[in-house]
Amino acid sequence: MNVRFTSCTARIVGAALCGLLTLPLFADLRIGDDRLTVLEALGQPQGRIEMGEFERLFYERGEVQLREGLVIRIELISEAAAEARRERQARESESRRERGEAVKAERLADSDFRTRPAAERYAFWRDFRREFPEVDVFVQYTDAKAAAEADAERQRTADRLANVERRVADAEFRAQQAENTARTLNTPTRVQYVTPWPVIHHAHRQRQPYRHPPFVHHPRPQPQTPQPGTRVRVQPNSDAFSSSIGISTAEPLSGFSLGY
């Protein structure tokens, strides 16, 4: 069987809901009341959220929702339930305070904790305040925070100095490189003759030949051409690999001439 809701049915449902909401639980507030009535019945809210035409008022017993200044939803608990909740919260707060005092005393007596970095001690007391708001650690928290900030400032100063020193060292290195490059460009070029095979030279007065570094040949000076009229003497050398010609103008030979 299909059920069709008419305007009469809607009015009946609305009246039933209003009857439920007018029970002693909400005897001081009804759906459709304006904002002023809510404030007179419950007082100033502990918090509120406004979103366009909607508004939510938060109280210790719950919340009230309004639309265009009129009550559309009531979510409140009874005063007895609120009192029971307050007592439960008080017991939990006292238990938390006792545990926090024990943790605080343990940390203050710990010598290793006092020697830890300031940033670590500051983080501990910050988390401690969030977990145990009933315990007073304002002095410890403030001292640790100031020490952590001082350490952070000293670290930033040291980092800046190290950065400046690194830049100075880089500048000096680049200047040295530029100076070396300029010195290299101003140095005359030295010509070396390189051969594709190793060259063996026989040392004077040595039977065993020695080998220069491979592929590097230092050219020998060219012999001077004797001037016309200069007498020369042939000096045989049995120790060398081949005979050499010695040119001497200090001891001229008689009866020997090369035709100059």
C-alpha atoms as a PDB file:
ATOM      1  CA  MET A   1       0.000   0.000   0.000  1.00  0.00           C
ATOM      2  CA  ASN A   2       1.370   3.329  -1.016  1.00  0.00           C
ATOM      3  CA  VAL A   3       1.453   5.980   1.704  1.00  0.00           C
ATOM      4  CA  ARG A   4       0.941   9.533   0.508  1.00  0.00           C
ATOM      5  CA  PHE A   5       1.951  12.385   2.784  1.00  0.00           C
ATOM      6  CA  THR A   6      -0.438  15.261   2.674  1.00  0.00           C
ATOM      7  CA  SER A   7      -0.201  18.653   4.268  1.00  0.00           C
ATOM      8  CA  CYS A   8      -2.317  17.358   7.152  1.00  0.00           C
ATOM      9  CA  THR A   9       0.114  14.488   7.714  1.00  0.00           C
ATOM     10  CA  ALA A  10       3.031  16.867   7.651  1.00  0.00           C
ATOM     11  CA  ARG A  11       1.348  19.033  10.273  1.00  0.00           C
ATOM     12  CA  ILE A  12       0.757  16.001  12.474  1.00  0.00           C
ATOM     13  CA  VAL A  13       4.415  14.918  12.203  1.00  0.00           C
ATOM     14  CA  GLY A  14       5.547  18.444  12.921  1.00  0.00           C
ATOM     15  CA  ALA A  15       3.340  18.643  15.981  1.00  0.00           C
ATOM     16  CA  ALA A  16       4.718  15.316  17.232  1.00  0.00           C
ATOM     17  CA  LEU A  17       8.274  16.539  16.808  1.00  0.00           C
ATOM     18  CA  CYS A  18       7.457  19.764  18.585  1.00  0.00           C
ATOM     19  CA  GLY A  19       5.919  17.747  21.384  1.00  0.00           C
ATOM     20  CA  LEU A  20       9.068  15.704  21.743  1.00  0.00           C
ATOM     21  CA  LEU A  21      11.205  18.816  21.743  1.00  0.00           C
ATOM     22  CA  THR A  22       9.045  20.460  24.407  1.00  0.00           C
ATOM     23  CA  LEU A  23       9.825  17.744  26.951  1.00  0.00           C
ATOM     24  CA  PRO A  24      11.533  18.852  30.189  1.00  0.00           C
ATOM     25  CA  LEU A  25      14.881  18.345  28.448  1.00  0.00           C
ATOM     26  CA  PHE A  26      14.222  21.339  26.210  1.00  0.00           C
ATOM     27  CA  ALA A  27      11.560  23.070  28.295  1.00  0.00           C
ATOM     28  CA  ASP A  28      13.482  26.383  28.047  1.00  0.00           C
ATOM     29  CA  LEU A  29      13.918  26.326  24.249  1.00  0.00           C
ATOM     30  CA  ARG A  30      11.789  25.328  21.226  1.00  0.00           C
ATOM     31  CA  ILE A  31      12.157  24.995  17.474  1.00  0.00           C
ATOM     32  CA  GLY A  32      11.389  28.301  15.793  1.00  0.00           C
ATOM     33  CA  ASP A  33      12.628  30.507  18.638  1.00  0.00           C
ATOM     34  CA  ASP A  34      14.747  33.426  17.583  1.00  0.00           C
ATOM     35  CA  ARG A  35      18.357  34.049  18.489  1.00  0.00           C
ATOM     36  CA  LEU A  36      17.532  36.411  21.345  1.00  0.00           C
ATOM     37  CA  THR A  37      15.462  33.705  23.032  1.00  0.00           C
ATOM     38  CA  VAL A  38      18.353  31.275  22.762  1.00  0.00           C
ATOM     39  CA  LEU A  39      20.710  33.764  24.389  1.00  0.00           C
ATOM     40  CA  GLU A  40      18.243  34.468  27.179  1.00  0.00           C
ATOM     41  CA  ALA A  41      17.760  30.763  27.880  1.00  0.00           C
ATOM     42  CA  LEU A  42      21.352  29.537  27.562  1.00  0.00           C
ATOM     43  CA  GLY A  43      23.469  32.656  27.794  1.00  0.00           C
ATOM     44  CA  GLN A  44      26.416  33.571  25.627  1.00  0.00           C
ATOM     45  CA  PRO A  45      27.801  30.615  23.653  1.00  0.00           C
ATOM     46  CA  GLN A  46      31.299  29.279  24.195  1.00  0.00           C
ATOM     47  CA  GLY A  47      31.810  29.326  20.430  1.00  0.00           C
ATOM     48  CA  ARG A  48      29.962  30.003  17.217  1.00  0.00           C
ATOM     49  CA  ILE A  49      30.232  29.288  13.485  1.00  0.00           C
ATOM     50  CA  GLU A  50      28.418  31.364  10.890  1.00  0.00           C
ATOM     51  CA  MET A  51      28.019  30.167   7.285  1.00  0.00           C
ATOM     52  CA  GLY A  52      25.769  32.441   5.278  1.00  0.00           C
ATOM     53  CA  GLU A  53      22.221  32.116   6.604  1.00  0.00           C
ATOM     54  CA  PHE A  54      23.185  29.252   8.920  1.00  0.00           C
ATOM     55  CA  GLU A  55      24.659  29.678  12.407  1.00  0.00           C
ATOM     56  CA  ARG A  56      25.797  27.207  15.049  1.00  0.00           C
ATOM     57  CA  LEU A  57      26.049  28.139  18.738  1.00  0.00           C
ATOM     58  CA  PHE A  58      28.132  25.859  20.991  1.00  0.00           C
ATOM     59  CA  TYR A  59      27.463  25.452  24.722  1.00  0.00           C
ATOM     60  CA  GLU A  60      28.662  23.156  27.449  1.00  0.00           C
ATOM     61  CA  ARG A  61      25.468  21.096  27.128  1.00  0.00           C
ATOM     62  CA  GLY A  62      25.638  20.862  23.322  1.00  0.00           C
ATOM     63  CA  GLU A  63      24.818  23.094  20.367  1.00  0.00           C
ATOM     64  CA  VAL A  64      21.932  24.980  18.776  1.00  0.00           C
ATOM     65  CA  GLN A  65      21.612  25.485  15.029  1.00  0.00           C
ATOM     66  CA  LEU A  66      19.836  28.488  13.514  1.00  0.00           C
ATOM     67  CA  ARG A  67      18.748  29.465  10.041  1.00  0.00           C
ATOM     68  CA  GLU A  68      18.006  33.076   9.247  1.00  0.00           C
ATOM     69  CA  GLY A  69      18.008  33.790  12.987  1.00  0.00           C
ATOM     70  CA  LEU A  70      15.498  31.042  13.923  1.00  0.00           C
ATOM     71  CA  VAL A  71      16.197  27.751  15.725  1.00  0.00           C
ATOM     72  CA  ILE A  72      16.069  24.711  13.411  1.00  0.00           C
ATOM     73  CA  ARG A  73      17.940  22.094  15.495  1.00  0.00           C
ATOM     74  CA  ILE A  74      18.627  21.603  19.207  1.00  0.00           C
ATOM     75  CA  GLU A  75      21.289  19.169  20.396  1.00  0.00           C
ATOM     76  CA  LEU A  76      21.510  19.661  24.149  1.00  0.00           C
ATOM     77  CA  ILE A  77      21.871  17.247  27.029  1.00  0.00           C
ATOM     78  CA  SER A  78      20.141  17.544  30.387  1.00  0.00           C
ATOM     79  CA  GLU A  79      21.664  19.410  33.280  1.00  0.00           C
ATOM     80  CA  ALA A  80      22.124  16.146  35.189  1.00  0.00           C
ATOM     81  CA  ALA A  81      24.010  14.616  32.273  1.00  0.00           C
ATOM     82  CA  ALA A  82      26.103  17.764  31.994  1.00  0.00           C
ATOM     83  CA  GLU A  83      26.916  17.610  35.700  1.00  0.00           C
ATOM     84  CA  ALA A  84      27.912  13.950  35.433  1.00  0.00           C
ATOM     85  CA  ARG A  85      30.146  14.766  32.493  1.00  0.00           C
ATOM     86  CA  ARG A  86      31.776  17.609  34.433  1.00  0.00           C
ATOM     87  CA  GLU A  87      32.509  15.284  37.344  1.00  0.00           C
ATOM     88  CA  ARG A  88      34.005  12.685  34.983  1.00  0.00           C
ATOM     89  CA  GLN A  89      36.163  15.317  33.315  1.00  0.00           C
ATOM     90  CA  ALA A  90      37.300  16.572  36.741  1.00  0.00           C
ATOM     91  CA  ARG A  91      38.396  13.072  37.747  1.00  0.00           C
ATOM     92  CA  GLU A  92      40.244  12.605  34.461  1.00  0.00           C
ATOM     93  CA  SER A  93      41.918  16.001  34.881  1.00  0.00           C
ATOM     94  CA  GLU A  94      43.073  15.160  38.401  1.00  0.00           C
ATOM     95  CA  SER A  95      44.474  11.824  37.260  1.00  0.00           C
ATOM     96  CA  ARG A  96      46.239  13.506  34.363  1.00  0.00           C
ATOM     97  CA  ARG A  97      47.668  16.159  36.698  1.00  0.00           C
ATOM     98  CA  GLU A  98      49.108  13.507  39.024  1.00  0.00           C
ATOM     99  CA  ARG A  99      50.756  11.672  36.133  1.00  0.00           C
ATOM    100  CA  GLY A 100      52.093  14.947  34.775  1.00  0.00           C
ATOM    101  CA  GLU A 101      53.596  15.934  38.120  1.00  0.00           C
ATOM    102  CA  ALA A 102      55.341  12.563  38.335  1.00  0.00           C
ATOM    103  CA  VAL A 103      56.768  12.926  34.809  1.00  0.00           C
ATOM    104  CA  LYS A 104      57.887  16.496  35.542  1.00  0.00           C
ATOM    105  CA  ALA A 105      59.682  15.483  38.751  1.00  0.00           C
ATOM    106  CA  GLU A 106      61.384  12.607  36.951  1.00  0.00           C
ATOM    107  CA  ARG A 107      62.643  14.853  34.148  1.00  0.00           C
ATOM    108  CA  LEU A 108      63.896  17.545  36.509  1.00  0.00           C
ATOM    109  CA  ALA A 109      65.851  14.944  38.486  1.00  0.00           C
ATOM    110  CA  ASP A 110      67.378  13.408  35.347  1.00  0.00           C
ATOM    111  CA  SER A 111      70.940  14.759  34.906  1.00  0.00           C
ATOM    112  CA  ASP A 112      71.199  13.316  31.399  1.00  0.00           C
ATOM    113  CA  PHE A 113      68.088  15.235  30.314  1.00  0.00           C
ATOM    114  CA  ARG A 114      69.590  18.526  31.518  1.00  0.00           C
ATOM    115  CA  THR A 115      72.671  18.002  29.328  1.00  0.00           C
ATOM    116  CA  ARG A 116      70.711  17.307  26.154  1.00  0.00           C
ATOM    117  CA  PRO A 117      70.544  19.928  23.357  1.00  0.00           C
ATOM    118  CA  ALA A 118      68.240  22.863  23.987  1.00  0.00           C
ATOM    119  CA  ALA A 119      66.131  22.042  20.930  1.00  0.00           C
ATOM    120  CA  GLU A 120      65.386  18.555  22.284  1.00  0.00           C
ATOM    121  CA  ARG A 121      64.469  19.885  25.742  1.00  0.00           C
ATOM    122  CA  TYR A 122      62.244  22.547  24.185  1.00  0.00           C
ATOM    123  CA  ALA A 123      60.413  19.942  22.091  1.00  0.00           C
ATOM    124  CA  PHE A 124      59.830  17.788  25.182  1.00  0.00           C
ATOM    125  CA  TRP A 125      58.351  20.607  27.300  1.00  0.00           C
ATOM    126  CA  ARG A 126      56.209  21.776  24.370  1.00  0.00           C
ATOM    127  CA  ASP A 127      54.671  18.315  23.987  1.00  0.00           C
ATOM    128  CA  PHE A 128      54.377  18.034  27.771  1.00  0.00           C
ATOM    129  CA  ARG A 129      52.221  21.182  27.945  1.00  0.00           C
ATOM    130  CA  ARG A 130      49.865  19.743  25.336  1.00  0.00           C
ATOM    131  CA  GLU A 131      49.555  16.371  27.084  1.00  0.00           C
ATOM    132  CA  PHE A 132      49.367  17.683  30.669  1.00  0.00           C
ATOM    133  CA  PRO A 133      47.811  21.163  30.572  1.00  0.00           C
ATOM    134  CA  GLU A 134      47.061  20.981  34.300  1.00  0.00           C
ATOM    135  CA  VAL A 135      50.779  20.957  35.247  1.00  0.00           C
ATOM    136  CA  ASP A 136      52.646  24.264  35.372  1.00  0.00           C
ATOM    137  CA  VAL A 137      55.922  24.063  33.384  1.00  0.00           C
ATOM    138  CA  PHE A 138      56.059  27.687  32.250  1.00  0.00           C
ATOM    139  CA  VAL A 139      59.596  28.275  33.576  1.00  0.00           C
ATOM    140  CA  GLN A 140      61.052  25.109  32.066  1.00  0.00           C
ATOM    141  CA  TYR A 141      59.292  25.698  28.760  1.00  0.00           C
ATOM    142  CA  THR A 142      60.418  29.352  28.545  1.00  0.00           C
ATOM    143  CA  ASP A 143      64.051  28.601  29.423  1.00  0.00           C
ATOM    144  CA  ALA A 144      64.298  25.734  26.946  1.00  0.00           C
ATOM    145  CA  LYS A 145      62.701  27.818  24.196  1.00  0.00           C
ATOM    146  CA  ALA A 146      65.105  30.743  24.749  1.00  0.00           C
ATOM    147  CA  ALA A 147      68.126  28.403  24.742  1.00  0.00           C
ATOM    148  CA  ALA A 148      66.916  26.665  21.560  1.00  0.00           C
ATOM    149  CA  GLU A 149      66.423  29.979  19.782  1.00  0.00           C
ATOM    150  CA  ALA A 150      69.921  31.137  20.859  1.00  0.00           C
ATOM    151  CA  ASP A 151      71.475  27.902  19.564  1.00  0.00           C
ATOM    152  CA  ALA A 152      69.611  28.246  16.273  1.00  0.00           C
ATOM    153  CA  GLU A 153      70.845  31.826  15.876  1.00  0.00           C
ATOM    154  CA  ARG A 154      74.452  30.785  16.553  1.00  0.00           C
ATOM    155  CA  GLN A 155      74.121  27.994  14.003  1.00  0.00           C
ATOM    156  CA  ARG A 156      72.776  30.408  11.395  1.00  0.00           C
ATOM    157  CA  THR A 157      75.694  32.781  12.074  1.00  0.00           C
ATOM    158  CA  ALA A 158      78.202  29.938  11.726  1.00  0.00           C
ATOM    159  CA  ASP A 159      76.579  28.843   8.459  1.00  0.00           C
ATOM    160  CA  ARG A 160      76.760  32.392   7.089  1.00  0.00           C
ATOM    161  CA  LEU A 161      80.461  32.666   8.023  1.00  0.00           C
ATOM    162  CA  ALA A 162      81.204  29.299   6.448  1.00  0.00           C
ATOM    163  CA  ASN A 163      79.407  30.394   3.288  1.00  0.00           C
ATOM    164  CA  VAL A 164      81.443  33.617   3.147  1.00  0.00           C
ATOM    165  CA  GLU A 165      84.701  31.711   3.664  1.00  0.00           C
ATOM    166  CA  ARG A 166      83.766  29.259   0.931  1.00  0.00           C
ATOM    167  CA  ARG A 167      83.043  32.095  -1.475  1.00  0.00           C
ATOM    168  CA  VAL A 168      86.356  33.784  -0.630  1.00  0.00           C
ATOM    169  CA  ALA A 169      88.223  30.518  -1.198  1.00  0.00           C
ATOM    170  CA  ASP A 170      86.480  30.047  -4.563  1.00  0.00           C
ATOM    171  CA  ALA A 171      87.352  33.609  -5.588  1.00  0.00           C
ATOM    172  CA  GLU A 172      91.000  33.100  -4.632  1.00  0.00           C
ATOM    173  CA  PHE A 173      91.101  29.832  -6.567  1.00  0.00           C
ATOM    174  CA  ARG A 174      89.657  31.475  -9.682  1.00  0.00           C
ATOM    175  CA  ALA A 175      92.134  34.358  -9.356  1.00  0.00           C
ATOM    176  CA  GLN A 176      95.022  31.884  -9.101  1.00  0.00           C
ATOM    177  CA  GLN A 177      93.761  30.061 -12.162  1.00  0.00           C
ATOM    178  CA  ALA A 178      93.546  33.330 -14.106  1.00  0.00           C
ATOM    179  CA  GLU A 179      97.077  34.245 -13.024  1.00  0.00           C
ATOM    180  CA  ASN A 180      98.423  30.849 -14.122  1.00  0.00           C
ATOM    181  CA  THR A 181      96.656  31.172 -17.462  1.00  0.00           C
ATOM    182  CA  ALA A 182      98.122  34.632 -18.025  1.00  0.00           C
ATOM    183  CA  ARG A 183     101.615  33.405 -17.104  1.00  0.00           C
ATOM    184  CA  THR A 184     101.253  30.491 -19.526  1.00  0.00           C
ATOM    185  CA  LEU A 185     100.182  32.789 -22.351  1.00  0.00           C
ATOM    186  CA  ASN A 186     103.173  35.103 -21.742  1.00  0.00           C
ATOM    187  CA  THR A 187     105.724  32.229 -21.652  1.00  0.00           C
ATOM    188  CA  PRO A 188     107.607  31.670 -25.010  1.00  0.00           C
ATOM    189  CA  THR A 189     106.734  28.440 -26.715  1.00  0.00           C
ATOM    190  CA  ARG A 190     109.380  25.694 -26.492  1.00  0.00           C
ATOM    191  CA  VAL A 191     109.578  23.487 -29.540  1.00  0.00           C
ATOM    192  CA  GLN A 192     110.127  19.791 -29.057  1.00  0.00           C
ATOM    193  CA  TYR A 193     110.610  17.300 -31.834  1.00  0.00           C
ATOM    194  CA  VAL A 194     108.618  14.126 -31.394  1.00  0.00           C
ATOM    195  CA  THR A 195     109.335  10.990 -33.331  1.00  0.00           C
ATOM    196  CA  PRO A 196     107.049   7.997 -33.669  1.00  0.00           C
ATOM    197  CA  TRP A 197     109.806   5.632 -32.460  1.00  0.00           C
ATOM    198  CA  PRO A 198     112.054   5.650 -29.427  1.00  0.00           C
ATOM    199  CA  VAL A 199     115.494   7.168 -29.987  1.00  0.00           C
ATOM    200  CA  ILE A 200     118.522   5.497 -28.404  1.00  0.00           C
ATOM    201  CA  HIS A 201     121.583   7.608 -27.586  1.00  0.00           C
ATOM    202  CA  HIS A 202     124.892   6.085 -26.622  1.00  0.00           C
ATOM    203  CA  ALA A 203     126.485   7.781 -23.683  1.00  0.00           C
ATOM    204  CA  HIS A 204     130.076   8.908 -23.777  1.00  0.00           C
ATOM    205  CA  ARG A 205     132.422   6.509 -22.003  1.00  0.00           C
ATOM    206  CA  GLN A 206     129.621   4.031 -21.363  1.00  0.00           C
ATOM    207  CA  ARG A 207     129.172   0.685 -22.989  1.00  0.00           C
ATOM    208  CA  GLN A 208     125.504   0.260 -22.054  1.00  0.00           C
ATOM    209  CA  PRO A 209     123.107   2.519 -24.004  1.00  0.00           C
ATOM    210  CA  TYR A 210     120.396   4.362 -22.169  1.00  0.00           C
ATOM    211  CA  ARG A 211     116.929   5.207 -23.436  1.00  0.00           C
ATOM    212  CA  HIS A 212     115.216   8.573 -23.245  1.00  0.00           C
ATOM    213  CA  PRO A 213     111.500   8.749 -22.500  1.00  0.00           C
ATOM    214  CA  PRO A 214     109.646   7.255 -25.485  1.00  0.00           C
ATOM    215  CA  PHE A 215     108.621   9.402 -28.406  1.00  0.00           C
ATOM    216  CA  VAL A 216     110.585  12.434 -27.172  1.00  0.00           C
ATOM    217  CA  HIS A 217     113.700  13.581 -29.025  1.00  0.00           C
ATOM    218  CA  HIS A 218     115.751  16.561 -27.999  1.00  0.00           C
ATOM    219  CA  PRO A 219     117.555  17.914 -31.087  1.00  0.00           C
ATOM    220  CA  ARG A 220     121.328  18.235 -30.949  1.00  0.00           C
ATOM    221  CA  PRO A 221     122.981  21.563 -31.721  1.00  0.00           C
ATOM    222  CA  GLN A 222     124.167  21.901 -35.316  1.00  0.00           C
ATOM    223  CA  PRO A 223     127.983  21.855 -35.823  1.00  0.00           C
ATOM    224  CA  GLN A 224     129.572  25.150 -36.764  1.00  0.00           C
ATOM    225  CA  THR A 225     130.937  25.475 -40.278  1.00  0.00           C
ATOM    226  CA  PRO A 226     134.679  26.229 -40.163  1.00  0.00           C
ATOM    227  CA  GLN A 227     135.710  29.520 -41.609  1.00  0.00           C
ATOM    228  CA  PRO A 228     138.120  29.639 -44.579  1.00  0.00           C
ATOM    229  CA  GLY A 229     141.730  29.273 -43.493  1.00  0.00           C
ATOM    230  CA  THR A 230     140.884  27.344 -40.288  1.00  0.00           C
ATOM    231  CA  ARG A 231     142.915  24.224 -39.659  1.00  0.00           C
ATOM    232  CA  VAL A 232     141.216  21.219 -38.101  1.00  0.00           C
ATOM    233  CA  ARG A 233     142.555  18.080 -36.491  1.00  0.00           C
ATOM    234  CA  VAL A 234     140.847  14.681 -36.698  1.00  0.00           C
ATOM    235  CA  GLN A 235     140.693  12.979 -33.276  1.00  0.00           C
ATOM    236  CA  PRO A 236     139.661   9.331 -33.431  1.00  0.00           C
ATOM    237  CA  ASN A 237     137.589   8.132 -30.497  1.00  0.00           C
ATOM    238  CA  SER A 238     137.431   4.402 -29.989  1.00  0.00           C
ATOM    239  CA  ASP A 239     135.080   4.611 -27.027  1.00  0.00           C
ATOM    240  CA  ALA A 240     132.162   6.230 -28.875  1.00  0.00           C
ATOM    241  CA  PHE A 241     129.805   4.452 -31.180  1.00  0.00           C
ATOM    242  CA  SER A 242     131.130   6.488 -34.139  1.00  0.00           C
ATOM    243  CA  SER A 243     134.025   8.921 -34.690  1.00  0.00           C
ATOM    244  CA  SER A 244     133.467  12.557 -34.054  1.00  0.00           C
ATOM    245  CA  ILE A 245     135.239  15.555 -35.498  1.00  0.00           C
ATOM    246  CA  GLY A 246     136.629  18.064 -33.046  1.00  0.00           C
ATOM    247  CA  ILE A 247     137.196  21.612 -34.251  1.00  0.00           C
ATOM    248  CA  SER A 248     140.095  23.456 -32.687  1.00  0.00           C
ATOM    249  CA  THR A 249     141.614  26.819 -33.568  1.00  0.00           C
ATOM    250  CA  ALA A 250     143.949  26.884 -30.571  1.00  0.00           C
ATOM    251  CA  GLU A 251     146.303  24.163 -31.972  1.00  0.00           C
ATOM    252  CA  PRO A 252     146.667  24.571 -35.743  1.00  0.00           C
ATOM    253  CA  LEU A 253     148.191  21.649 -37.642  1.00  0.00           C
ATOM    254  CA  SER A 254     150.935  22.137 -40.150  1.00  0.00           C
ATOM    255  CA  GLY A 255     150.738  20.435 -43.476  1.00  0.00           C
ATOM    256  CA  PHE A 256     147.062  19.455 -43.140  1.00  0.00           C
ATOM    257  CA  SER A 257     144.262  21.406 -44.712  1.00  0.00           C
ATOM    258  CA  LEU A 258     140.748  20.781 -45.854  1.00  0.00           C
ATOM    259  CA  GLY A 259     141.124  23.092 -48.718  1.00  0.00           C
ATOM    260  CA  TYR A 260     139.736  26.255 -47.184  1.00  0.00           C
END
